[in-house]
Amino acid sequence: MPHPSTQSTALGEDRRSEKLAPTATPGKGVSWIGRVTPYWAHFRLDDIISTRQHSHDFVETRAEYIAIRLRFMALFFAIVVPLWMPIDLVTLRPEHFPAIALARSMLAAFLLLIAVLTLRKLSSRQTDALLSLTIIAPIAFYVASIFILSQPVAETPLVGYSFMPSVMAAMLGVFPLTLAYGLLLSAVIVLAQLGITAYLGPLISLDTLDKLWVLMMIVGVSLWIQTGQLLMLLKLYRESTQDPLTGLINRRVLMKRLATEVTHNNKKQRPFCILMFDLDRFKRINDNYGHLTGDKVLKETAQILKNGLRDHDIIARFGGEEFVAVLTNVTSEAAMEVAERIRQNCHDTRVSAPNDEVIQLSTSVGVTQYETGEAIEATLERVDECLYVAKEQGRNRVIHRQSDQGQELIRK
């Protein structure tokens, strides 16, 4: 097979440090999470602990789901909180009512603001911040109200006040949160309860233990519901967006991610390149060795792509034996070197076949840089043409092209 050289500039050897770390194998060096996980079939403990193992697209999809639920919860409480004022007017001491009414009005206004903010397009971090504020605000109101009702002449608050920490802990079950984030928000609620208890009287008492026990039980159930929702959402997401053979995202998610990259390019002038890979003579592999061996080749190719790209680059199975990679914040010259390195790694790979035969892999690669203002379909059509030329010129090579206008822009 030929090994043509390609014109490119160095992207830098430090890219290797940005690759995904290889998956640990059972035995020495495996973390405690890796040892515990096999005891639950089809369940990975690290899926619920944090978002580190979640794809970028799932993190953003989950954020959208949380934002919608947060919007209705904030709006509901923004309406309900002021409706308690007539009851306060009747049941509270006259000197306490104005301060409580002001605190209620401030809480309602703040929650209404949260509901309005969720109407915007939010990142996962922004969504987490709004959720945190939505939980902290009622807890702050609870602390302030208990303080108000204890000065200057103390009165016993109604259940609507004393039960608020338990209500907020239960409300956390509405959201598909990770265990780490759920525990953090729950800790805020529990600490607020302990602080108020210490302020009002002895911290160590039967009544305190009783309230704390009830609150911890509600927190436990809420965490169970949160992680259960997260696992179900993750399961549905993976089934609908991942290629079951290679574990890569599918074409639908790729187009969604490309739309995001186009937005970043238009707003921030952040370049990105598309690489399209096609395994050479893959049909012959299926015909000669069977589809199981073909599947093995596809999985090996997917792993080569994962090892050759950075964590935040996008890799998808485009269809059949075609794969697409999107290199973010990279120009075409740098992308050419990445493509050539992956092509060479693929050519150096051997896959065992039946009857002790060995299959040598090779791939043809098309490379193009997105040109600001063009439709993403035009970019994909251009990289597909590059791939066709690579096939026509003998396979196992990298071809790069831009439009005439794009070539001038890139030179500038």
Protein backbone atom coordinates (compact mmCIF):
# COMPACT_ATOMS: atom_id res chain seq x y z
CA MET A 1 0.00 0.00 0.00
CA PRO A 2 1.32 3.50 -0.70
CA HIS A 3 2.27 5.89 2.06
CA PRO A 4 1.97 9.37 0.51
CA SER A 5 3.09 12.35 2.49
CA THR A 6 0.77 15.25 3.15
CA GLN A 7 1.50 18.94 3.54
CA SER A 8 0.87 20.02 7.14
CA THR A 9 2.30 21.96 10.05
CA ALA A 10 2.98 20.55 13.48
CA LEU A 11 0.11 20.64 15.88
CA GLY A 12 2.47 19.86 18.76
CA GLU A 13 3.45 16.70 20.56
CA ASP A 14 1.74 17.93 23.69
CA ARG A 15 -1.55 16.87 22.06
CA ARG A 16 -0.71 13.37 23.19
CA SER A 17 -1.16 14.44 26.80
CA GLU A 18 -4.72 15.50 25.97
CA LYS A 19 -5.84 12.03 24.86
CA LEU A 20 -8.27 9.91 26.75
CA ALA A 21 -6.57 7.69 29.29
CA PRO A 22 -6.95 3.97 28.47
CA THR A 23 -9.62 2.08 30.35
CA ALA A 24 -8.19 0.23 33.32
CA THR A 25 -8.29 -3.55 33.20
CA PRO A 26 -9.37 -5.58 36.23
CA GLY A 27 -6.59 -6.24 38.66
CA LYS A 28 -3.76 -4.12 39.94
CA GLY A 29 -4.26 -0.36 39.70
CA VAL A 30 -8.07 -0.48 39.35
CA SER A 31 -9.88 2.11 41.47
CA TRP A 32 -12.40 1.12 44.12
CA ILE A 33 -15.15 2.26 41.75
CA GLY A 34 -13.87 -0.19 39.15
CA ARG A 35 -13.88 -3.02 41.70
CA VAL A 36 -17.40 -2.27 42.97
CA THR A 37 -19.06 -1.69 39.58
CA PRO A 38 -19.13 -5.36 38.38
CA TYR A 39 -21.48 -6.29 41.23
CA TRP A 40 -24.32 -4.40 39.53
CA ALA A 41 -25.21 -5.63 36.06
CA HIS A 42 -25.48 -2.85 33.45
CA PHE A 43 -24.74 -0.25 36.14
CA ARG A 44 -21.64 1.91 36.44
CA LEU A 45 -21.17 3.58 39.78
CA ASP A 46 -19.20 6.46 38.28
CA ASP A 47 -22.25 7.32 36.15
CA ILE A 48 -24.08 8.64 39.21
CA ILE A 49 -21.18 10.07 41.21
CA SER A 50 -20.28 12.92 38.85
CA THR A 51 -20.51 14.00 35.21
CA ARG A 52 -16.89 13.11 34.38
CA GLN A 53 -17.93 9.98 32.47
CA HIS A 54 -20.82 11.72 30.70
CA SER A 55 -20.52 13.04 27.16
CA HIS A 56 -20.66 16.78 26.59
CA ASP A 57 -23.89 16.42 24.68
CA PHE A 58 -25.55 14.46 27.51
CA VAL A 59 -24.43 17.05 30.07
CA GLU A 60 -26.06 19.80 28.01
CA THR A 61 -29.17 17.70 27.33
CA ARG A 62 -29.58 16.99 31.06
CA ALA A 63 -29.12 20.71 31.77
CA GLU A 64 -32.00 21.53 29.40
CA TYR A 65 -34.17 18.94 31.17
CA ILE A 66 -33.30 20.39 34.59
CA ALA A 67 -33.90 23.97 33.40
CA ILE A 68 -37.44 23.12 32.27
CA ARG A 69 -38.29 21.51 35.62
CA LEU A 70 -36.61 24.35 37.49
CA ARG A 71 -38.65 26.92 35.59
CA PHE A 72 -41.98 25.43 36.64
CA MET A 73 -40.85 24.83 40.23
CA ALA A 74 -39.58 28.39 40.64
CA LEU A 75 -42.74 29.80 39.06
CA PHE A 76 -44.94 27.63 41.29
CA PHE A 77 -43.26 28.79 44.49
CA ALA A 78 -43.12 32.40 43.29
CA ILE A 79 -46.93 32.26 43.21
CA VAL A 80 -47.48 30.16 46.32
CA VAL A 81 -45.11 31.95 48.70
CA PRO A 82 -47.05 35.29 48.78
CA LEU A 83 -50.38 33.44 49.12
CA TRP A 84 -49.40 32.52 52.70
CA MET A 85 -49.41 36.18 53.76
CA PRO A 86 -53.11 36.26 54.85
CA ILE A 87 -52.39 33.33 57.17
CA ASP A 88 -49.36 35.18 58.56
CA LEU A 89 -51.51 38.26 59.10
CA VAL A 90 -53.94 36.26 61.23
CA THR A 91 -51.53 34.01 63.12
CA LEU A 92 -48.36 36.10 63.68
CA ARG A 93 -47.74 38.80 66.22
CA PRO A 94 -48.22 42.30 64.75
CA GLU A 95 -44.56 43.25 65.25
CA HIS A 96 -43.40 40.20 63.26
CA PHE A 97 -45.72 40.43 60.27
CA PRO A 98 -44.11 43.36 58.32
CA ALA A 99 -40.64 41.78 58.32
CA ILE A 100 -42.02 38.36 57.36
CA ALA A 101 -44.15 39.90 54.59
CA LEU A 102 -41.08 41.70 53.22
CA ALA A 103 -39.03 38.49 53.30
CA ARG A 104 -41.81 36.61 51.50
CA SER A 105 -42.06 39.29 48.82
CA MET A 106 -38.29 39.24 48.25
CA LEU A 107 -38.28 35.45 47.97
CA ALA A 108 -41.19 35.47 45.51
CA ALA A 109 -39.50 38.13 43.37
CA PHE A 110 -36.21 36.21 43.38
CA LEU A 111 -37.88 32.95 42.36
CA LEU A 112 -39.76 34.75 39.59
CA LEU A 113 -36.42 36.06 38.32
CA ILE A 114 -35.03 32.50 38.34
CA ALA A 115 -38.02 31.33 36.29
CA VAL A 116 -37.45 34.11 33.73
CA LEU A 117 -33.71 33.34 33.48
CA THR A 118 -34.43 29.70 32.63
CA LEU A 119 -36.14 30.88 29.44
CA ARG A 120 -32.69 31.66 28.04
CA LYS A 121 -30.30 29.16 26.50
CA LEU A 122 -28.20 28.05 29.48
CA SER A 123 -25.01 26.05 29.79
CA SER A 124 -24.84 23.18 32.28
CA ARG A 125 -22.87 25.34 34.73
CA GLN A 126 -25.38 28.17 34.52
CA THR A 127 -28.22 25.71 35.09
CA ASP A 128 -26.47 24.24 38.15
CA ALA A 129 -25.92 27.76 39.49
CA LEU A 130 -29.61 28.66 39.11
CA LEU A 131 -30.66 25.40 40.75
CA SER A 132 -28.33 26.08 43.67
CA LEU A 133 -29.76 29.58 44.09
CA THR A 134 -33.30 28.18 43.93
CA ILE A 135 -32.51 25.87 46.85
CA ILE A 136 -30.47 28.39 48.83
CA ALA A 137 -33.06 31.20 48.57
CA PRO A 138 -35.89 29.37 50.44
CA ILE A 139 -33.39 28.11 53.03
CA ALA A 140 -32.19 31.69 53.54
CA PHE A 141 -35.83 32.74 53.95
CA TYR A 142 -36.33 29.93 56.47
CA VAL A 143 -33.31 31.07 58.52
CA ALA A 144 -34.40 34.72 58.35
CA SER A 145 -38.01 33.94 59.30
CA ILE A 146 -37.01 31.86 62.34
CA PHE A 147 -34.71 34.67 63.44
CA ILE A 148 -37.49 37.25 62.95
CA LEU A 149 -40.03 35.18 64.88
CA SER A 150 -37.63 34.86 67.82
CA GLN A 151 -37.13 38.64 68.24
CA PRO A 152 -37.94 40.53 70.41
CA VAL A 153 -40.67 38.26 71.80
CA ALA A 154 -40.38 34.71 70.57
CA GLU A 155 -43.35 32.84 69.12
CA THR A 156 -43.62 29.29 67.90
CA PRO A 157 -43.66 29.17 64.08
CA LEU A 158 -46.35 27.22 62.27
CA VAL A 159 -45.55 23.95 60.51
CA GLY A 160 -45.32 25.87 57.23
CA TYR A 161 -42.06 27.34 58.53
CA SER A 162 -40.53 24.55 60.61
CA PHE A 163 -41.10 21.93 57.90
CA MET A 164 -39.46 24.01 55.12
CA PRO A 165 -36.03 22.23 55.18
CA SER A 166 -37.78 18.89 54.71
CA VAL A 167 -39.84 20.30 51.82
CA MET A 168 -36.71 21.59 50.08
CA ALA A 169 -34.91 18.28 50.60
CA ALA A 170 -37.87 16.46 49.06
CA MET A 171 -37.99 18.89 46.13
CA LEU A 172 -34.46 17.90 45.13
CA GLY A 173 -35.92 14.57 44.04
CA VAL A 174 -37.53 16.37 41.10
CA PHE A 175 -34.15 16.71 39.36
CA PRO A 176 -31.81 14.07 37.83
CA LEU A 177 -28.74 15.12 39.83
CA THR A 178 -25.42 13.40 40.33
CA LEU A 179 -24.72 11.99 43.77
CA ALA A 180 -21.97 14.53 44.44
CA TYR A 181 -24.14 17.54 43.55
CA GLY A 182 -27.19 16.14 45.35
CA LEU A 183 -25.15 15.59 48.51
CA LEU A 184 -23.77 19.14 48.29
CA LEU A 185 -27.25 20.73 48.10
CA SER A 186 -28.55 18.39 50.81
CA ALA A 187 -25.64 19.37 53.05
CA VAL A 188 -26.64 23.04 52.73
CA ILE A 189 -30.16 22.19 53.91
CA VAL A 190 -28.99 20.01 56.81
CA LEU A 191 -26.43 22.58 57.98
CA ALA A 192 -29.10 25.30 57.93
CA GLN A 193 -31.34 23.10 60.07
CA LEU A 194 -28.52 22.42 62.54
CA GLY A 195 -27.61 26.11 62.70
CA ILE A 196 -31.17 27.16 63.51
CA THR A 197 -31.49 24.38 66.09
CA ALA A 198 -28.28 25.51 67.80
CA TYR A 199 -29.52 29.11 67.76
CA LEU A 200 -32.88 28.29 69.32
CA GLY A 201 -31.71 25.93 72.04
CA PRO A 202 -29.64 22.88 72.92
CA LEU A 203 -28.23 21.08 69.90
CA ILE A 204 -28.16 17.71 71.64
CA SER A 205 -31.68 16.76 72.60
CA LEU A 206 -34.29 14.13 71.79
CA ASP A 207 -36.36 16.65 69.82
CA THR A 208 -33.32 17.69 67.76
CA LEU A 209 -32.41 14.08 67.01
CA ASP A 210 -36.00 13.36 65.99
CA LYS A 211 -36.09 16.29 63.53
CA LEU A 212 -32.64 15.46 62.17
CA TRP A 213 -33.57 11.80 61.68
CA VAL A 214 -36.70 12.72 59.70
CA LEU A 215 -34.72 15.19 57.58
CA MET A 216 -31.98 12.63 56.86
CA MET A 217 -34.57 10.04 55.84
CA ILE A 218 -36.10 12.52 53.38
CA VAL A 219 -32.64 13.38 52.06
CA GLY A 220 -31.86 9.69 51.54
CA VAL A 221 -35.07 9.07 49.61
CA SER A 222 -34.50 12.23 47.56
CA LEU A 223 -30.96 11.14 46.63
CA TRP A 224 -32.28 7.73 45.62
CA ILE A 225 -34.90 9.33 43.35
CA GLN A 226 -32.37 11.79 41.88
CA THR A 227 -29.84 9.13 40.92
CA GLY A 228 -32.59 6.82 39.67
CA GLN A 229 -33.79 9.56 37.32
CA LEU A 230 -30.22 10.22 36.21
CA LEU A 231 -29.59 6.56 35.39
CA MET A 232 -32.84 6.26 33.45
CA LEU A 233 -32.14 9.46 31.52
CA LEU A 234 -28.60 8.30 30.79
CA LYS A 235 -29.81 4.88 29.65
CA LEU A 236 -32.38 6.38 27.26
CA TYR A 237 -29.84 8.90 26.00
CA ARG A 238 -27.21 6.27 25.26
CA GLU A 239 -29.69 4.02 23.50
CA SER A 240 -30.88 6.84 21.25
CA THR A 241 -27.61 8.68 20.57
CA GLN A 242 -24.75 6.16 20.68
CA ASP A 243 -23.72 3.67 18.07
CA PRO A 244 -24.12 0.35 19.93
CA LEU A 245 -21.10 -1.25 18.26
CA THR A 246 -18.41 1.41 18.69
CA GLY A 247 -19.85 3.53 21.52
CA LEU A 248 -19.40 6.68 19.42
CA ILE A 249 -22.15 9.24 18.97
CA ASN A 250 -24.43 8.75 15.99
CA ARG A 251 -25.11 10.99 13.04
CA ARG A 252 -28.05 12.81 14.67
CA VAL A 253 -25.97 13.96 17.63
CA LEU A 254 -23.09 14.85 15.33
CA MET A 255 -25.29 17.28 13.40
CA LYS A 256 -26.42 18.84 16.68
CA ARG A 257 -22.82 19.28 17.83
CA LEU A 258 -21.85 20.72 14.45
CA ALA A 259 -24.62 23.31 14.74
CA THR A 260 -23.12 24.37 18.09
CA GLU A 261 -19.66 24.66 16.54
CA VAL A 262 -21.06 26.78 13.71
CA THR A 263 -22.57 29.13 16.31
CA HIS A 264 -19.22 29.40 18.12
CA ASN A 265 -17.48 30.08 14.82
CA ASN A 266 -19.91 32.83 13.83
CA LYS A 267 -19.83 34.54 17.24
CA LYS A 268 -16.24 34.00 18.37
CA GLN A 269 -14.48 33.30 15.04
CA ARG A 270 -13.35 29.97 16.50
CA PRO A 271 -12.20 27.70 13.65
CA PHE A 272 -12.94 24.02 13.41
CA CYS A 273 -12.14 21.27 10.93
CA ILE A 274 -13.98 18.16 9.82
CA LEU A 275 -12.16 14.90 9.13
CA MET A 276 -13.99 12.10 7.34
CA PHE A 277 -12.54 8.57 7.46
CA ASP A 278 -13.51 5.61 5.29
CA LEU A 279 -12.01 2.15 5.82
CA ASP A 280 -10.45 0.91 2.60
CA ARG A 281 -11.96 -2.22 1.05
CA PHE A 282 -14.12 -2.88 4.08
CA LYS A 283 -16.69 -4.81 2.04
CA ARG A 284 -13.96 -7.28 1.13
CA ILE A 285 -13.26 -7.86 4.84
CA ASN A 286 -16.94 -8.64 5.47
CA ASP A 287 -17.11 -10.92 2.43
CA ASN A 288 -13.90 -12.82 3.20
CA TYR A 289 -14.01 -13.06 6.99
CA GLY A 290 -17.63 -12.46 7.99
CA HIS A 291 -19.49 -9.64 9.72
CA LEU A 292 -18.19 -10.50 13.20
CA THR A 293 -14.65 -9.81 12.02
CA GLY A 294 -15.94 -6.68 10.28
CA ASP A 295 -17.43 -5.52 13.57
CA LYS A 296 -14.09 -6.16 15.25
CA VAL A 297 -12.38 -3.96 12.65
CA LEU A 298 -14.92 -1.16 13.20
CA LYS A 299 -14.40 -1.25 16.97
CA GLU A 300 -10.63 -1.19 16.54
CA THR A 301 -10.91 1.80 14.20
CA ALA A 302 -13.10 3.66 16.70
CA GLN A 303 -10.46 3.08 19.38
CA ILE A 304 -7.71 4.40 17.10
CA LEU A 305 -9.74 7.57 16.60
CA LYS A 306 -10.33 7.98 20.34
CA ASN A 307 -6.63 7.55 21.07
CA GLY A 308 -5.63 10.00 18.35
CA LEU A 309 -7.90 12.87 19.32
CA ARG A 310 -8.43 15.14 22.32
CA ASP A 311 -11.14 14.76 24.94
CA HIS A 312 -13.17 17.69 23.62
CA ASP A 313 -12.94 16.72 19.94
CA ILE A 314 -16.08 15.16 18.48
CA ILE A 315 -16.01 11.62 17.06
CA ALA A 316 -19.00 9.98 15.40
CA ARG A 317 -19.84 6.95 13.33
CA PHE A 318 -21.29 8.54 10.23
CA GLY A 319 -22.60 5.36 8.68
CA GLY A 320 -21.29 1.94 7.68
CA GLU A 321 -17.49 2.11 7.67
CA GLU A 322 -17.38 5.93 7.65
CA PHE A 323 -16.36 7.98 10.69
CA VAL A 324 -16.32 11.74 11.20
CA ALA A 325 -14.15 13.73 13.61
CA VAL A 326 -14.59 17.42 14.38
CA LEU A 327 -11.46 19.15 15.64
CA THR A 328 -12.40 22.26 17.60
CA ASN A 329 -10.31 25.43 17.61
CA VAL A 330 -7.99 23.97 14.96
CA THR A 331 -7.07 25.20 11.47
CA SER A 332 -6.76 23.00 8.39
CA GLU A 333 -2.96 22.80 8.47
CA ALA A 334 -2.96 21.44 12.01
CA ALA A 335 -5.86 19.12 11.20
CA MET A 336 -3.85 17.64 8.31
CA GLU A 337 -1.17 16.45 10.69
CA VAL A 338 -3.75 14.84 12.96
CA ALA A 339 -5.35 13.11 9.96
CA GLU A 340 -1.99 11.84 8.73
CA ARG A 341 -1.04 10.53 12.17
CA ILE A 342 -4.32 8.65 12.49
CA ARG A 343 -3.97 7.30 8.96
CA GLN A 344 -0.52 5.98 9.81
CA ASN A 345 -1.72 4.48 13.12
CA CYS A 346 -4.52 2.76 11.26
CA HIS A 347 -2.09 1.39 8.63
CA ASP A 348 0.17 0.05 11.42
CA THR A 349 -2.71 -1.79 13.09
CA ARG A 350 -3.28 -5.51 12.58
CA VAL A 351 -6.54 -7.28 13.43
CA SER A 352 -6.67 -11.03 13.89
CA ALA A 353 -9.09 -12.92 11.64
CA PRO A 354 -10.32 -16.53 11.58
CA ASN A 355 -7.85 -19.27 10.57
CA ASP A 356 -4.98 -17.30 12.17
CA GLU A 357 -5.02 -14.75 9.36
CA VAL A 358 -4.16 -11.10 10.00
CA ILE A 359 -5.90 -8.10 8.49
CA GLN A 360 -3.94 -4.91 7.87
CA LEU A 361 -6.14 -1.84 8.19
CA SER A 362 -5.98 1.28 6.08
CA THR A 363 -8.17 4.32 5.77
CA SER A 364 -8.70 7.18 3.37
CA VAL A 365 -9.22 10.61 4.93
CA GLY A 366 -10.85 13.82 3.75
CA VAL A 367 -10.06 17.09 5.55
CA THR A 368 -11.65 20.52 5.31
CA GLN A 369 -12.02 23.61 7.47
CA TYR A 370 -15.41 25.18 8.06
CA GLU A 371 -15.75 28.49 6.23
CA THR A 372 -17.60 31.16 8.19
CA GLY A 373 -21.11 31.78 6.93
CA GLU A 374 -21.52 28.62 4.87
CA ALA A 375 -24.15 25.95 5.54
CA ILE A 376 -22.71 22.98 7.42
CA GLU A 377 -24.12 20.73 4.69
CA ALA A 378 -21.75 22.44 2.22
CA THR A 379 -18.80 21.68 4.51
CA LEU A 380 -19.80 18.04 4.77
CA GLU A 381 -20.24 17.80 1.01
CA ARG A 382 -16.74 19.24 0.49
CA VAL A 383 -15.08 16.82 2.93
CA ASP A 384 -16.97 13.96 1.29
CA GLU A 385 -15.54 15.05 -2.07
CA CYS A 386 -12.06 15.01 -0.50
CA LEU A 387 -12.68 11.45 0.62
CA TYR A 388 -13.80 10.47 -2.89
CA VAL A 389 -10.60 11.92 -4.36
CA ALA A 390 -8.51 9.99 -1.81
CA LYS A 391 -10.22 6.78 -2.95
CA GLU A 392 -9.71 7.64 -6.61
CA GLN A 393 -6.00 8.34 -6.09
CA GLY A 394 -5.30 4.93 -4.61
CA ARG A 395 -6.69 4.95 -1.05
CA ASN A 396 -4.72 5.10 2.23
CA ARG A 397 -4.07 8.82 1.93
CA VAL A 398 -5.17 12.23 3.23
CA ILE A 399 -6.74 14.84 0.93
CA HIS A 400 -7.55 18.41 1.94
CA ARG A 401 -9.58 20.97 0.03
CA GLN A 402 -11.32 24.32 0.57
CA SER A 403 -13.57 26.32 -1.69
CA ASP A 404 -11.84 29.00 -3.79
CA GLN A 405 -13.16 31.73 -1.52
CA GLY A 406 -12.31 29.75 1.60
CA GLN A 407 -8.75 29.17 0.40
CA GLU A 408 -8.22 32.93 0.17
CA LEU A 409 -9.69 33.53 3.64
CA ILE A 410 -7.47 30.86 5.20
CA ARG A 411 -4.34 32.33 3.55
CA LYS A 412 -5.15 35.70 5.13
